[in-house]
C-alpha atoms as a PDB file:
ATOM      1  CA  MET A   1      -7.161  -4.056   5.047  1.00  0.00           C
ATOM      2  CA  ALA A   2      -7.350  -5.291   1.464  1.00  0.00           C
ATOM      3  CA  THR A   3      -4.650  -7.590   0.073  1.00  0.00           C
ATOM      4  CA  GLU A   4      -3.672  -8.039  -3.549  1.00  0.00           C
ATOM      5  CA  GLN A   5      -0.931  -9.983  -5.346  1.00  0.00           C
ATOM      6  CA  ILE A   6       0.938  -8.118  -8.107  1.00  0.00           C
ATOM      7  CA  GLY A   7       3.590 -10.311  -9.678  1.00  0.00           C
ATOM      8  CA  ASP A   8       5.949 -11.384  -6.895  1.00  0.00           C
ATOM      9  CA  TYR A   9       4.698  -8.655  -4.554  1.00  0.00           C
ATOM     10  CA  GLU A  10       1.834  -8.656  -2.107  1.00  0.00           C
ATOM     11  CA  ILE A  11       0.306  -5.304  -1.278  1.00  0.00           C
ATOM     12  CA  GLU A  12      -1.930  -4.424   1.631  1.00  0.00           C
ATOM     13  CA  TYR A  13      -3.808  -1.153   1.596  1.00  0.00           C
ATOM     14  CA  SER A  14      -6.568   0.516   3.553  1.00  0.00           C
ATOM     15  CA  GLY A  15      -8.354   3.676   4.463  1.00  0.00           C
ATOM     16  CA  VAL A  16      -7.866   4.606   8.109  1.00  0.00           C
ATOM     17  CA  HIS A  17     -10.073   7.074   9.948  1.00  0.00           C
ATOM     18  CA  VAL A  18      -8.143  10.091  11.201  1.00  0.00           C
ATOM     19  CA  PRO A  19      -8.885  10.656  14.913  1.00  0.00           C
ATOM     20  CA  GLU A  20     -10.723  13.862  15.792  1.00  0.00           C
ATOM     21  CA  SER A  21     -11.473  14.457  12.117  1.00  0.00           C
ATOM     22  CA  ASP A  22     -14.009  13.570   9.460  1.00  0.00           C
ATOM     23  CA  GLY A  23     -11.197  12.558   7.111  1.00  0.00           C
ATOM     24  CA  TRP A  24      -9.612   9.299   6.074  1.00  0.00           C
ATOM     25  CA  ALA A  25      -5.935   8.492   5.470  1.00  0.00           C
ATOM     26  CA  ALA A  26      -4.383   6.081   2.959  1.00  0.00           C
ATOM     27  CA  TRP A  27      -2.130   3.338   4.392  1.00  0.00           C
ATOM     28  CA  VAL A  28       0.091   0.888   2.482  1.00  0.00           C
ATOM     29  CA  GLU A  29       2.356  -2.067   3.226  1.00  0.00           C
ATOM     30  CA  ILE A  30       4.258  -4.046   0.581  1.00  0.00           C
ATOM     31  CA  PHE A  31       5.857  -7.484   0.837  1.00  0.00           C
ATOM     32  CA  GLY A  32       8.362  -8.826  -1.664  1.00  0.00           C
ATOM     33  CA  PRO A  33       9.517 -12.264  -2.765  1.00  0.00           C
ATOM     34  CA  SER A  34      10.767 -14.532   0.003  1.00  0.00           C
ATOM     35  CA  PRO A  35      12.671 -17.820  -0.194  1.00  0.00           C
ATOM     36  CA  ASN A  36      10.334 -19.158   2.502  1.00  0.00           C
ATOM     37  CA  PRO A  37       6.689 -19.329   1.377  1.00  0.00           C
ATOM     38  CA  MET A  38       5.585 -19.187   5.034  1.00  0.00           C
ATOM     39  CA  HIS A  39       7.316 -15.849   5.628  1.00  0.00           C
ATOM     40  CA  ARG A  40       6.482 -12.521   4.016  1.00  0.00           C
ATOM     41  CA  GLN A  41       9.447 -10.237   3.318  1.00  0.00           C
ATOM     42  CA  PRO A  42       8.476  -6.600   4.020  1.00  0.00           C
ATOM     43  CA  VAL A  43       9.928  -4.152   1.486  1.00  0.00           C
ATOM     44  CA  PHE A  44       7.789  -1.150   2.463  1.00  0.00           C
ATOM     45  CA  PRO A  45       6.593  -1.095   6.075  1.00  0.00           C
ATOM     46  CA  SER A  46       3.016  -0.164   6.921  1.00  0.00           C
ATOM     47  CA  GLN A  47       2.710   3.588   6.754  1.00  0.00           C
ATOM     48  CA  HIS A  48       0.581   6.555   5.883  1.00  0.00           C
ATOM     49  CA  VAL A  49       0.920   7.582   2.216  1.00  0.00           C
ATOM     50  CA  ALA A  50      -0.507  10.659   0.473  1.00  0.00           C
ATOM     51  CA  VAL A  51       0.108  12.429   3.775  1.00  0.00           C
ATOM     52  CA  GLU A  52      -0.981  15.808   2.436  1.00  0.00           C
ATOM     53  CA  THR A  53      -4.440  14.486   1.531  1.00  0.00           C
ATOM     54  CA  SER A  54      -7.466  13.865   3.733  1.00  0.00           C
ATOM     55  CA  PHE A  55     -10.043  11.737   1.935  1.00  0.00           C
ATOM     56  CA  GLY A  56     -13.787  12.102   2.377  1.00  0.00           C
ATOM     57  CA  THR A  57     -14.543   8.390   2.586  1.00  0.00           C
ATOM     58  CA  GLU A  58     -12.802   5.168   3.537  1.00  0.00           C
ATOM     59  CA  GLN A  59     -13.253   3.885  -0.024  1.00  0.00           C
ATOM     60  CA  GLU A  60     -11.541   6.970  -1.530  1.00  0.00           C
ATOM     61  CA  ALA A  61      -8.589   6.570   0.833  1.00  0.00           C
ATOM     62  CA  GLU A  62      -8.373   2.840   0.108  1.00  0.00           C
ATOM     63  CA  GLN A  63      -8.408   3.370  -3.660  1.00  0.00           C
ATOM     64  CA  ALA A  64      -5.707   6.045  -3.410  1.00  0.00           C
ATOM     65  CA  ALA A  65      -3.614   3.711  -1.237  1.00  0.00           C
ATOM     66  CA  ARG A  66      -4.038   0.899  -3.770  1.00  0.00           C
ATOM     67  CA  GLN A  67      -2.962   3.112  -6.673  1.00  0.00           C
ATOM     68  CA  ILE A  68       0.101   4.321  -4.775  1.00  0.00           C
ATOM     69  CA  ALA A  69       1.073   0.736  -3.917  1.00  0.00           C
ATOM     70  CA  VAL A  70       0.642  -0.409  -7.529  1.00  0.00           C
ATOM     71  CA  ASP A  71       2.759   2.523  -8.740  1.00  0.00           C
ATOM     72  CA  MET A  72       5.470   1.689  -6.201  1.00  0.00           C
ATOM     73  CA  VAL A  73       5.584  -1.974  -7.276  1.00  0.00           C
ATOM     74  CA  GLU A  74       5.716  -1.001 -10.955  1.00  0.00           C
ATOM     75  CA  GLN A  75       8.526   1.482 -10.283  1.00  0.00           C
ATOM     76  CA  ARG A  76      10.455  -1.145  -8.308  1.00  0.00           C
ATOM     77  CA  HIS A  77       9.989  -3.619 -11.168  1.00  0.00           C
ATOM     78  CA  ARG A  78      11.251  -1.085 -13.749  1.00  0.00           C
ATOM     79  CA  LYS A  79      14.385  -0.428 -11.660  1.00  0.00           C
ATOM     80  CA  SER A  80      15.107  -4.148 -11.314  1.00  0.00           C
ATOM     81  CA  THR A  81      14.830  -4.745 -15.079  1.00  0.00           C
ATOM     82  CA  ALA A  82      16.851  -1.686 -16.125  1.00  0.00           C
END
């Protein structure tokens, strides 16, 4: 699972092989700011995103998961500054 820091948010994303299939699924988890630097505050629990899509490779699924996570963080940021 790849991890990336975007502003105050930490995103984790990955491509997960779908059992009994040749496809890959996109998975995302997002953590927000926490008053305790030793504790991550989950704001979006680990789950399958782009559920209607089966990706051909792990890398395709991982990149789709990353883009979805980035979009979610940006949308959350826009709502908090509006």
